[in-house]
Amino acid sequence: MGGAGQIGTGLALCSTLAGCVAGAPLIALGVNNIQEGLSGQGGFLRNLAESGASQLGFSERTGSIAFSIADATTSIGGLLRSVPKQGRIVLESGFRTQPIRLFRSIPSDLERNFNQLTKFAIGRELVLTGVGLFDTFRDSGSSP
């Protein structure tokens, strides 16, 4: 998920304190990915992962690979997460897409996020994730 998508998902999760535990790292990851995209260099989180790995006695390459795997995991997790189904409610002005629910969501009110995305959006997400992993392994001098 691009940096903007990660920031948006993180902000949506921050509707509760418990959600912010997962949302804040997603926001940071989104900002990092935007920074990497604009600068063409490693972002602040990747640099933190690399220096953390070297402090633990591993190579910086190991930190970079671990960071890329975590980034790919959030992208795939974003596609697989459950979101409210979209329904149609008839209004005087026409149709409006809105989740259908009475009080709390039950499992039948939810569906996987990829079911609501276009094929283009899913393909873009998978390609960008794959390119990111490929670049990390290529830059580290090892094959996946």
C-alpha atoms as a PDB file:
ATOM      1  CA  MET A   1       0.000   0.000   0.000  1.00  0.00           C
ATOM      2  CA  GLY A   2       1.528   3.291  -0.909  1.00  0.00           C
ATOM      3  CA  GLY A   3       2.593   5.683   1.798  1.00  0.00           C
ATOM      4  CA  ALA A   4      -0.636   7.692   1.560  1.00  0.00           C
ATOM      5  CA  GLY A   5      -2.689   4.505   1.919  1.00  0.00           C
ATOM      6  CA  GLN A   6      -0.703   3.465   4.982  1.00  0.00           C
ATOM      7  CA  ILE A   7      -1.201   6.899   6.543  1.00  0.00           C
ATOM      8  CA  GLY A   8      -4.946   6.761   5.804  1.00  0.00           C
ATOM      9  CA  THR A   9      -5.286   3.268   7.254  1.00  0.00           C
ATOM     10  CA  GLY A  10      -3.295   4.276  10.327  1.00  0.00           C
ATOM     11  CA  LEU A  11      -5.496   7.325  10.880  1.00  0.00           C
ATOM     12  CA  ALA A  12      -8.634   5.202  10.499  1.00  0.00           C
ATOM     13  CA  LEU A  13      -7.324   2.745  13.100  1.00  0.00           C
ATOM     14  CA  CYS A  14      -6.673   5.606  15.523  1.00  0.00           C
ATOM     15  CA  SER A  15     -10.375   6.043  16.261  1.00  0.00           C
ATOM     16  CA  THR A  16      -9.694   4.263  19.567  1.00  0.00           C
ATOM     17  CA  LEU A  17      -6.705   4.140  21.885  1.00  0.00           C
ATOM     18  CA  ALA A  18      -6.194   0.436  21.190  1.00  0.00           C
ATOM     19  CA  GLY A  19      -6.418   1.123  17.454  1.00  0.00           C
ATOM     20  CA  CYS A  20      -3.683   3.741  17.755  1.00  0.00           C
ATOM     21  CA  VAL A  21      -1.306   1.038  18.963  1.00  0.00           C
ATOM     22  CA  ALA A  22      -1.494  -0.439  15.452  1.00  0.00           C
ATOM     23  CA  GLY A  23      -2.271   2.820  13.637  1.00  0.00           C
ATOM     24  CA  ALA A  24       0.694   4.900  14.784  1.00  0.00           C
ATOM     25  CA  PRO A  25       3.321   2.519  13.322  1.00  0.00           C
ATOM     26  CA  LEU A  26       1.372   2.427  10.044  1.00  0.00           C
ATOM     27  CA  ILE A  27       1.382   6.223   9.905  1.00  0.00           C
ATOM     28  CA  ALA A  28       5.144   6.267  10.526  1.00  0.00           C
ATOM     29  CA  LEU A  29       5.661   3.609   7.854  1.00  0.00           C
ATOM     30  CA  GLY A  30       3.592   5.624   5.382  1.00  0.00           C
ATOM     31  CA  VAL A  31       5.608   8.788   6.061  1.00  0.00           C
ATOM     32  CA  ASN A  32       8.816   6.767   5.657  1.00  0.00           C
ATOM     33  CA  ASN A  33       7.673   5.328   2.320  1.00  0.00           C
ATOM     34  CA  ILE A  34       6.768   8.779   1.002  1.00  0.00           C
ATOM     35  CA  GLN A  35      10.184  10.045   2.141  1.00  0.00           C
ATOM     36  CA  GLU A  36      11.933   7.154   0.364  1.00  0.00           C
ATOM     37  CA  GLY A  37       9.891   7.721  -2.784  1.00  0.00           C
ATOM     38  CA  LEU A  38      10.694  11.428  -2.924  1.00  0.00           C
ATOM     39  CA  SER A  39      14.358  11.230  -1.975  1.00  0.00           C
ATOM     40  CA  GLY A  40      15.342   7.953  -3.633  1.00  0.00           C
ATOM     41  CA  GLN A  41      17.257   7.033  -0.467  1.00  0.00           C
ATOM     42  CA  GLY A  42      16.473   5.046   2.652  1.00  0.00           C
ATOM     43  CA  GLY A  43      13.915   6.672   4.924  1.00  0.00           C
ATOM     44  CA  PHE A  44      14.208   7.306   8.650  1.00  0.00           C
ATOM     45  CA  LEU A  45      12.632   3.957   9.614  1.00  0.00           C
ATOM     46  CA  ARG A  46      14.836   1.943   7.264  1.00  0.00           C
ATOM     47  CA  ASN A  47      17.893   3.742   8.658  1.00  0.00           C
ATOM     48  CA  LEU A  48      16.666   2.994  12.183  1.00  0.00           C
ATOM     49  CA  ALA A  49      16.226  -0.686  11.311  1.00  0.00           C
ATOM     50  CA  GLU A  50      19.711  -0.837   9.774  1.00  0.00           C
ATOM     51  CA  SER A  51      21.383   0.828  12.755  1.00  0.00           C
ATOM     52  CA  GLY A  52      19.387  -1.335  15.165  1.00  0.00           C
ATOM     53  CA  ALA A  53      20.524  -4.472  13.376  1.00  0.00           C
ATOM     54  CA  SER A  54      24.157  -3.362  13.499  1.00  0.00           C
ATOM     55  CA  GLN A  55      23.814  -2.549  17.230  1.00  0.00           C
ATOM     56  CA  LEU A  56      22.591  -6.128  17.746  1.00  0.00           C
ATOM     57  CA  GLY A  57      25.594  -7.518  15.877  1.00  0.00           C
ATOM     58  CA  PHE A  58      23.898  -8.129  12.524  1.00  0.00           C
ATOM     59  CA  SER A  59      24.706  -6.462   9.219  1.00  0.00           C
ATOM     60  CA  GLU A  60      22.866  -3.366   8.050  1.00  0.00           C
ATOM     61  CA  ARG A  61      21.676  -5.479   5.126  1.00  0.00           C
ATOM     62  CA  THR A  62      19.817  -7.710   7.607  1.00  0.00           C
ATOM     63  CA  GLY A  63      18.056  -4.662   9.052  1.00  0.00           C
ATOM     64  CA  SER A  64      17.088  -3.454   5.593  1.00  0.00           C
ATOM     65  CA  ILE A  65      15.711  -6.867   4.650  1.00  0.00           C
ATOM     66  CA  ALA A  66      13.769  -7.097   7.918  1.00  0.00           C
ATOM     67  CA  PHE A  67      12.317  -3.636   7.286  1.00  0.00           C
ATOM     68  CA  SER A  68      11.260  -4.544   3.737  1.00  0.00           C
ATOM     69  CA  ILE A  69       9.596  -7.734   4.926  1.00  0.00           C
ATOM     70  CA  ALA A  70       7.697  -5.773   7.592  1.00  0.00           C
ATOM     71  CA  ASP A  71       6.633  -3.239   4.956  1.00  0.00           C
ATOM     72  CA  ALA A  72       5.427  -6.012   2.612  1.00  0.00           C
ATOM     73  CA  THR A  73       3.565  -7.636   5.498  1.00  0.00           C
ATOM     74  CA  THR A  74       1.620  -4.430   6.177  1.00  0.00           C
ATOM     75  CA  SER A  75       0.713  -4.180   2.492  1.00  0.00           C
ATOM     76  CA  ILE A  76      -0.580  -7.725   2.335  1.00  0.00           C
ATOM     77  CA  GLY A  77      -2.281  -7.306   5.708  1.00  0.00           C
ATOM     78  CA  GLY A  78      -4.047  -4.216   4.375  1.00  0.00           C
ATOM     79  CA  LEU A  79      -5.452  -6.220   1.475  1.00  0.00           C
ATOM     80  CA  LEU A  80      -6.585  -9.063   3.736  1.00  0.00           C
ATOM     81  CA  ARG A  81      -8.070  -7.028   6.590  1.00  0.00           C
ATOM     82  CA  SER A  82     -11.807  -7.098   7.165  1.00  0.00           C
ATOM     83  CA  VAL A  83     -13.750  -3.955   6.358  1.00  0.00           C
ATOM     84  CA  PRO A  84     -17.490  -3.163   6.517  1.00  0.00           C
ATOM     85  CA  LYS A  85     -19.416  -4.266   3.444  1.00  0.00           C
ATOM     86  CA  GLN A  86     -20.650  -1.443   1.287  1.00  0.00           C
ATOM     87  CA  GLY A  87     -24.400  -1.328   0.732  1.00  0.00           C
ATOM     88  CA  ARG A  88     -26.741   0.984  -1.072  1.00  0.00           C
ATOM     89  CA  ILE A  89     -29.199   3.215   0.702  1.00  0.00           C
ATOM     90  CA  VAL A  90     -31.710   5.070  -1.436  1.00  0.00           C
ATOM     91  CA  LEU A  91     -31.795   8.796  -0.748  1.00  0.00           C
ATOM     92  CA  GLU A  92     -33.947  11.462  -2.348  1.00  0.00           C
ATOM     93  CA  SER A  93     -30.936  12.662  -4.324  1.00  0.00           C
ATOM     94  CA  GLY A  94     -30.058   9.190  -5.611  1.00  0.00           C
ATOM     95  CA  PHE A  95     -27.842   6.375  -4.310  1.00  0.00           C
ATOM     96  CA  ARG A  96     -25.216   6.764  -1.628  1.00  0.00           C
ATOM     97  CA  THR A  97     -22.683   4.076  -0.774  1.00  0.00           C
ATOM     98  CA  GLN A  98     -22.627   3.519   2.960  1.00  0.00           C
ATOM     99  CA  PRO A  99     -21.929   0.603   5.314  1.00  0.00           C
ATOM    100  CA  ILE A 100     -25.031  -1.240   6.485  1.00  0.00           C
ATOM    101  CA  ARG A 101     -25.033  -1.934  10.208  1.00  0.00           C
ATOM    102  CA  LEU A 102     -27.344  -1.523  13.153  1.00  0.00           C
ATOM    103  CA  PHE A 103     -25.184  -1.438  16.271  1.00  0.00           C
ATOM    104  CA  ARG A 104     -21.893  -3.318  16.040  1.00  0.00           C
ATOM    105  CA  SER A 105     -20.376  -5.195  13.159  1.00  0.00           C
ATOM    106  CA  ILE A 106     -20.878  -8.931  13.101  1.00  0.00           C
ATOM    107  CA  PRO A 107     -18.857 -11.228  10.837  1.00  0.00           C
ATOM    108  CA  SER A 108     -21.518 -11.185   8.116  1.00  0.00           C
ATOM    109  CA  ASP A 109     -21.214  -7.353   7.975  1.00  0.00           C
ATOM    110  CA  LEU A 110     -17.535  -7.588   6.985  1.00  0.00           C
ATOM    111  CA  GLU A 111     -15.584  -8.622   3.923  1.00  0.00           C
ATOM    112  CA  ARG A 112     -11.932  -8.651   2.912  1.00  0.00           C
ATOM    113  CA  ASN A 113     -10.596  -5.312   1.736  1.00  0.00           C
ATOM    114  CA  PHE A 114      -9.464  -6.689  -1.633  1.00  0.00           C
ATOM    115  CA  ASN A 115     -13.113  -7.447  -2.482  1.00  0.00           C
ATOM    116  CA  GLN A 116     -13.775  -3.686  -2.570  1.00  0.00           C
ATOM    117  CA  LEU A 117     -10.718  -2.767  -4.639  1.00  0.00           C
ATOM    118  CA  THR A 118     -10.456  -2.706  -8.396  1.00  0.00           C
ATOM    119  CA  LYS A 119      -8.234  -5.217 -10.167  1.00  0.00           C
ATOM    120  CA  PHE A 120      -5.943  -2.326 -11.078  1.00  0.00           C
ATOM    121  CA  ALA A 121      -5.570  -1.287  -7.416  1.00  0.00           C
ATOM    122  CA  ILE A 122      -4.824  -4.850  -6.315  1.00  0.00           C
ATOM    123  CA  GLY A 123      -2.319  -5.316  -9.143  1.00  0.00           C
ATOM    124  CA  ARG A 124      -0.646  -1.994  -8.338  1.00  0.00           C
ATOM    125  CA  GLU A 125      -0.322  -2.959  -4.697  1.00  0.00           C
ATOM    126  CA  LEU A 126       1.185  -6.356  -5.503  1.00  0.00           C
ATOM    127  CA  VAL A 127       3.575  -4.909  -8.102  1.00  0.00           C
ATOM    128  CA  LEU A 128       4.791  -2.136  -5.774  1.00  0.00           C
ATOM    129  CA  THR A 129       5.300  -4.621  -2.939  1.00  0.00           C
ATOM    130  CA  GLY A 130       7.191  -6.978  -5.234  1.00  0.00           C
ATOM    131  CA  VAL A 131       9.362  -4.184  -6.629  1.00  0.00           C
ATOM    132  CA  GLY A 132      10.190  -3.002  -3.112  1.00  0.00           C
ATOM    133  CA  LEU A 133      11.271  -6.487  -2.045  1.00  0.00           C
ATOM    134  CA  PHE A 134      13.222  -7.007  -5.278  1.00  0.00           C
ATOM    135  CA  ASP A 135      15.047  -3.685  -4.834  1.00  0.00           C
ATOM    136  CA  THR A 136      15.983  -4.543  -1.268  1.00  0.00           C
ATOM    137  CA  PHE A 137      17.429  -7.922  -2.197  1.00  0.00           C
ATOM    138  CA  ARG A 138      19.159  -6.503  -5.277  1.00  0.00           C
ATOM    139  CA  ASP A 139      20.729  -3.679  -3.266  1.00  0.00           C
ATOM    140  CA  SER A 140      21.826  -6.096  -0.539  1.00  0.00           C
ATOM    141  CA  GLY A 141      23.661  -8.293  -3.028  1.00  0.00           C
ATOM    142  CA  SER A 142      21.647 -11.451  -2.377  1.00  0.00           C
ATOM    143  CA  SER A 143      18.810 -13.095  -4.242  1.00  0.00           C
ATOM    144  CA  PRO A 144      15.387 -13.657  -2.646  1.00  0.00           C
END
